[in-house]
Amino acid sequence: MVTELLEDKGWKWLEGEYENIKTHIKVMCDIGHKFWVSMGSIKALNGCARCSGKCTDPEFHTDQLEGIITGHGAEWVAGEYEGSEVKIFIRYHQGHEF
C-alpha cells in the first residue's frame, strides 16, 4: 500500500521502516528532494512540501536564501537564519552592507 502511494506520486522510498500511519519514512520526490514523511502525510499531500513551498525545514530555507543572496552578487556576512524576524547581514559587491 505504501509503495503504491509513493509510485503514484512518482516518489521513491529511501529509508525507514513502515510500522503504522504515524511512522516516518524518508522519501525522494520526482524532482529529487529528500525528506521524512508519515503515511498520513503521504495521503494528505498533493506533492512534495519543498516543491509546493510549504516546507518547514530550516536547512532548506537557509539554502534557498543563500542561493538568492549569491544570485544577486552579494554574500552572507553574518547572522544565522532563524526566520523572517531575525536579521542577517549581507554585503553587496559595491561594499554596501545591510
Foldseek 3Di string as FASTA:
>chain_A
DLCVLQVVQQKAFDADDDDDQAGWTWIAGNVGDIDIDGNVVSVVDPHDCVVVVNDPDQVVVQVVVQVVQVVQQKHFDDDDDDDDVDDTWIAHPVGDID
